[in-house]
Amino acid sequence: MQRFASAKHLASWAGVCPGNHQSAGHRGSSKPTGGNPWLKAVLGEVACSIARTRGSYLHAQFHRIARRRGRHKALVAVAHSVLRIIYYMVRDKKPYADLGDDYFDKLDASRIERHHVRRLEQLGYTVSLAPKAA
């Protein structure tokens, strides 16, 4: 892994980093860079299988991004995450520890709670919350 200075350099070489073409205040194509076609294809296959496998952090990440930006951009984002995970596993010689599919729900639970209460109130419901007994 000494060949690549960071995980960002590896992602750029592989072609799974997001494009960012801007000139004179205008946004151009946001296609990913060219990169290594064989590695890019394998990472795409891995991302597709992760999207269909439930119960992992990467599955939750895929659905979170796909909801906002679409399936194809979410697949590239997951492929990017997979490559970064592989880079750090090989560099640090440590196994992968999955954060879990409920990681994003636990990340900011109060924000999610406020969002759903506000949404129900917009639909005409009166909402009162009480914590669940353990």
C-alpha atoms as a PDB file:
ATOM      1  CA  MET A   1       0.000   0.000   0.000  1.00  0.00           C
ATOM      2  CA  GLN A   2       3.047   2.282   0.050  1.00  0.00           C
ATOM      3  CA  ARG A   3       2.456   2.953  -3.640  1.00  0.00           C
ATOM      4  CA  PHE A   4      -0.587   5.099  -2.745  1.00  0.00           C
ATOM      5  CA  ALA A   5      -0.146   8.042  -0.386  1.00  0.00           C
ATOM      6  CA  SER A   6      -3.706   7.762   0.902  1.00  0.00           C
ATOM      7  CA  ALA A   7      -7.020   6.018   0.328  1.00  0.00           C
ATOM      8  CA  LYS A   8      -8.076   9.014  -1.785  1.00  0.00           C
ATOM      9  CA  HIS A   9      -5.194   8.409  -4.189  1.00  0.00           C
ATOM     10  CA  LEU A  10      -6.160   4.744  -4.503  1.00  0.00           C
ATOM     11  CA  ALA A  11      -9.810   5.652  -5.163  1.00  0.00           C
ATOM     12  CA  SER A  12      -8.760   8.131  -7.827  1.00  0.00           C
ATOM     13  CA  TRP A  13      -6.516   5.555  -9.500  1.00  0.00           C
ATOM     14  CA  ALA A  14      -9.314   2.964  -9.407  1.00  0.00           C
ATOM     15  CA  GLY A  15     -11.831   5.431 -10.854  1.00  0.00           C
ATOM     16  CA  VAL A  16     -14.426   5.315  -8.077  1.00  0.00           C
ATOM     17  CA  CYS A  17     -14.053   8.830  -6.739  1.00  0.00           C
ATOM     18  CA  PRO A  18     -16.808  11.298  -7.664  1.00  0.00           C
ATOM     19  CA  GLY A  19     -16.125  13.689 -10.504  1.00  0.00           C
ATOM     20  CA  ASN A  20     -16.049  17.402  -9.802  1.00  0.00           C
ATOM     21  CA  HIS A  21     -15.766  19.438 -12.995  1.00  0.00           C
ATOM     22  CA  GLN A  22     -16.313  23.142 -12.393  1.00  0.00           C
ATOM     23  CA  SER A  23     -15.255  26.074 -14.491  1.00  0.00           C
ATOM     24  CA  ALA A  24     -16.271  29.744 -14.253  1.00  0.00           C
ATOM     25  CA  GLY A  25     -19.020  28.952 -11.756  1.00  0.00           C
ATOM     26  CA  HIS A  26     -20.645  26.331 -13.983  1.00  0.00           C
ATOM     27  CA  ARG A  27     -20.868  22.697 -12.985  1.00  0.00           C
ATOM     28  CA  GLY A  28     -19.914  20.216 -15.681  1.00  0.00           C
ATOM     29  CA  SER A  29     -20.094  16.441 -15.760  1.00  0.00           C
ATOM     30  CA  SER A  30     -19.949  14.664 -12.416  1.00  0.00           C
ATOM     31  CA  LYS A  31     -18.994  11.311 -13.925  1.00  0.00           C
ATOM     32  CA  PRO A  32     -16.408   9.320 -12.022  1.00  0.00           C
ATOM     33  CA  THR A  33     -12.873   9.409 -13.364  1.00  0.00           C
ATOM     34  CA  GLY A  34     -11.654   6.812 -15.864  1.00  0.00           C
ATOM     35  CA  GLY A  35      -9.474   4.671 -13.636  1.00  0.00           C
ATOM     36  CA  ASN A  36      -8.654   0.999 -13.854  1.00  0.00           C
ATOM     37  CA  PRO A  37     -11.533  -0.686 -15.730  1.00  0.00           C
ATOM     38  CA  TRP A  38     -11.007  -4.163 -14.210  1.00  0.00           C
ATOM     39  CA  LEU A  39     -10.892  -3.008 -10.618  1.00  0.00           C
ATOM     40  CA  LYS A  40     -13.767  -0.621 -11.241  1.00  0.00           C
ATOM     41  CA  ALA A  41     -15.884  -3.478 -12.654  1.00  0.00           C
ATOM     42  CA  VAL A  42     -15.163  -5.737  -9.674  1.00  0.00           C
ATOM     43  CA  LEU A  43     -15.986  -2.952  -7.214  1.00  0.00           C
ATOM     44  CA  GLY A  44     -19.236  -2.334  -9.107  1.00  0.00           C
ATOM     45  CA  GLU A  45     -20.201  -5.993  -8.763  1.00  0.00           C
ATOM     46  CA  VAL A  46     -19.355  -5.920  -5.061  1.00  0.00           C
ATOM     47  CA  ALA A  47     -21.437  -2.749  -4.587  1.00  0.00           C
ATOM     48  CA  CYS A  48     -24.420  -4.351  -6.375  1.00  0.00           C
ATOM     49  CA  SER A  49     -24.280  -7.414  -4.146  1.00  0.00           C
ATOM     50  CA  ILE A  50     -23.959  -5.234  -1.030  1.00  0.00           C
ATOM     51  CA  ALA A  51     -27.042  -3.300  -2.109  1.00  0.00           C
ATOM     52  CA  ARG A  52     -29.012  -6.567  -2.046  1.00  0.00           C
ATOM     53  CA  THR A  53     -27.563  -7.925   1.215  1.00  0.00           C
ATOM     54  CA  ARG A  54     -29.379  -6.758   4.319  1.00  0.00           C
ATOM     55  CA  GLY A  55     -28.012  -6.054   7.754  1.00  0.00           C
ATOM     56  CA  SER A  56     -24.769  -4.175   7.122  1.00  0.00           C
ATOM     57  CA  TYR A  57     -23.523  -0.606   7.324  1.00  0.00           C
ATOM     58  CA  LEU A  58     -22.804  -0.481   3.579  1.00  0.00           C
ATOM     59  CA  HIS A  59     -26.346  -1.656   2.770  1.00  0.00           C
ATOM     60  CA  ALA A  60     -27.730   1.176   4.913  1.00  0.00           C
ATOM     61  CA  GLN A  61     -25.334   3.626   3.256  1.00  0.00           C
ATOM     62  CA  PHE A  62     -26.495   2.521  -0.207  1.00  0.00           C
ATOM     63  CA  HIS A  63     -30.174   3.051   0.596  1.00  0.00           C
ATOM     64  CA  ARG A  64     -29.514   6.352   2.327  1.00  0.00           C
ATOM     65  CA  ILE A  65     -27.701   7.750  -0.732  1.00  0.00           C
ATOM     66  CA  ALA A  66     -29.973   6.104  -3.324  1.00  0.00           C
ATOM     67  CA  ARG A  67     -33.006   7.768  -1.769  1.00  0.00           C
ATOM     68  CA  ARG A  68     -31.524  11.220  -2.412  1.00  0.00           C
ATOM     69  CA  ARG A  69     -29.289  10.846  -5.454  1.00  0.00           C
ATOM     70  CA  GLY A  70     -30.277   7.687  -7.295  1.00  0.00           C
ATOM     71  CA  ARG A  71     -29.140   4.103  -7.581  1.00  0.00           C
ATOM     72  CA  HIS A  72     -26.110   4.604  -9.834  1.00  0.00           C
ATOM     73  CA  LYS A  73     -24.487   7.326  -7.747  1.00  0.00           C
ATOM     74  CA  ALA A  74     -25.142   5.273  -4.632  1.00  0.00           C
ATOM     75  CA  LEU A  75     -23.392   2.271  -6.195  1.00  0.00           C
ATOM     76  CA  VAL A  76     -20.323   4.383  -6.971  1.00  0.00           C
ATOM     77  CA  ALA A  77     -20.354   5.741  -3.407  1.00  0.00           C
ATOM     78  CA  VAL A  78     -20.526   2.226  -1.935  1.00  0.00           C
ATOM     79  CA  ALA A  79     -17.743   1.039  -4.284  1.00  0.00           C
ATOM     80  CA  HIS A  80     -15.661   3.976  -3.058  1.00  0.00           C
ATOM     81  CA  SER A  81     -16.349   3.020   0.568  1.00  0.00           C
ATOM     82  CA  VAL A  82     -15.458  -0.626  -0.084  1.00  0.00           C
ATOM     83  CA  LEU A  83     -12.145   0.368  -1.653  1.00  0.00           C
ATOM     84  CA  ARG A  84     -11.324   2.659   1.275  1.00  0.00           C
ATOM     85  CA  ILE A  85     -12.171  -0.138   3.728  1.00  0.00           C
ATOM     86  CA  ILE A  86      -9.882  -2.530   1.842  1.00  0.00           C
ATOM     87  CA  TYR A  87      -7.091   0.065   1.814  1.00  0.00           C
ATOM     88  CA  TYR A  88      -7.244   0.553   5.586  1.00  0.00           C
ATOM     89  CA  MET A  89      -7.549  -3.188   6.271  1.00  0.00           C
ATOM     90  CA  VAL A  90      -4.428  -3.947   4.242  1.00  0.00           C
ATOM     91  CA  ARG A  91      -2.476  -0.942   5.521  1.00  0.00           C
ATOM     92  CA  ASP A  92      -3.266  -1.441   9.223  1.00  0.00           C
ATOM     93  CA  LYS A  93      -3.547  -5.268   9.088  1.00  0.00           C
ATOM     94  CA  LYS A  94      -6.815  -5.215  11.036  1.00  0.00           C
ATOM     95  CA  PRO A  95     -10.108  -7.018  10.271  1.00  0.00           C
ATOM     96  CA  TYR A  96     -13.212  -5.157   9.162  1.00  0.00           C
ATOM     97  CA  ALA A  97     -15.630  -4.222  11.948  1.00  0.00           C
ATOM     98  CA  ASP A  98     -19.098  -3.501  10.576  1.00  0.00           C
ATOM     99  CA  LEU A  99     -20.913  -0.584  12.215  1.00  0.00           C
ATOM    100  CA  GLY A 100     -24.320  -2.216  11.718  1.00  0.00           C
ATOM    101  CA  ASP A 101     -27.383  -1.403   9.663  1.00  0.00           C
ATOM    102  CA  ASP A 102     -28.827   0.868  12.375  1.00  0.00           C
ATOM    103  CA  TYR A 103     -25.713   3.077  12.555  1.00  0.00           C
ATOM    104  CA  PHE A 104     -27.343   6.041  10.805  1.00  0.00           C
ATOM    105  CA  ASP A 105     -30.440   5.794  13.023  1.00  0.00           C
ATOM    106  CA  LYS A 106     -28.322   5.899  16.168  1.00  0.00           C
ATOM    107  CA  LEU A 107     -26.100   8.673  14.820  1.00  0.00           C
ATOM    108  CA  ASP A 108     -28.623  11.445  15.453  1.00  0.00           C
ATOM    109  CA  ALA A 109     -31.710   9.900  17.021  1.00  0.00           C
ATOM    110  CA  SER A 110     -33.146  13.218  18.230  1.00  0.00           C
ATOM    111  CA  ARG A 111     -33.105  14.659  14.684  1.00  0.00           C
ATOM    112  CA  ILE A 112     -34.925  11.600  13.321  1.00  0.00           C
ATOM    113  CA  GLU A 113     -37.453  11.824  16.150  1.00  0.00           C
ATOM    114  CA  ARG A 114     -38.145  15.521  15.456  1.00  0.00           C
ATOM    115  CA  HIS A 115     -38.472  14.838  11.731  1.00  0.00           C
ATOM    116  CA  HIS A 116     -41.088  12.114  12.152  1.00  0.00           C
ATOM    117  CA  VAL A 117     -43.066  14.030  14.784  1.00  0.00           C
ATOM    118  CA  ARG A 118     -43.135  17.099  12.541  1.00  0.00           C
ATOM    119  CA  ARG A 119     -44.183  14.982   9.553  1.00  0.00           C
ATOM    120  CA  LEU A 120     -47.063  13.389  11.482  1.00  0.00           C
ATOM    121  CA  GLU A 121     -48.205  16.820  12.686  1.00  0.00           C
ATOM    122  CA  GLN A 122     -48.212  18.027   9.073  1.00  0.00           C
ATOM    123  CA  LEU A 123     -50.501  15.108   8.232  1.00  0.00           C
ATOM    124  CA  GLY A 124     -52.952  16.234  10.940  1.00  0.00           C
ATOM    125  CA  TYR A 125     -52.064  13.996  13.879  1.00  0.00           C
ATOM    126  CA  THR A 126     -51.423  15.022  17.471  1.00  0.00           C
ATOM    127  CA  VAL A 127     -48.268  13.328  18.666  1.00  0.00           C
ATOM    128  CA  SER A 128     -46.988  12.765  22.180  1.00  0.00           C
ATOM    129  CA  LEU A 129     -43.915  10.641  22.769  1.00  0.00           C
ATOM    130  CA  ALA A 130     -43.048   8.566  25.802  1.00  0.00           C
ATOM    131  CA  PRO A 131     -39.834   6.581  26.143  1.00  0.00           C
ATOM    132  CA  LYS A 132     -40.169   2.812  25.923  1.00  0.00           C
ATOM    133  CA  ALA A 133     -39.633   0.924  29.161  1.00  0.00           C
ATOM    134  CA  ALA A 134     -36.498  -1.193  29.084  1.00  0.00           C
END
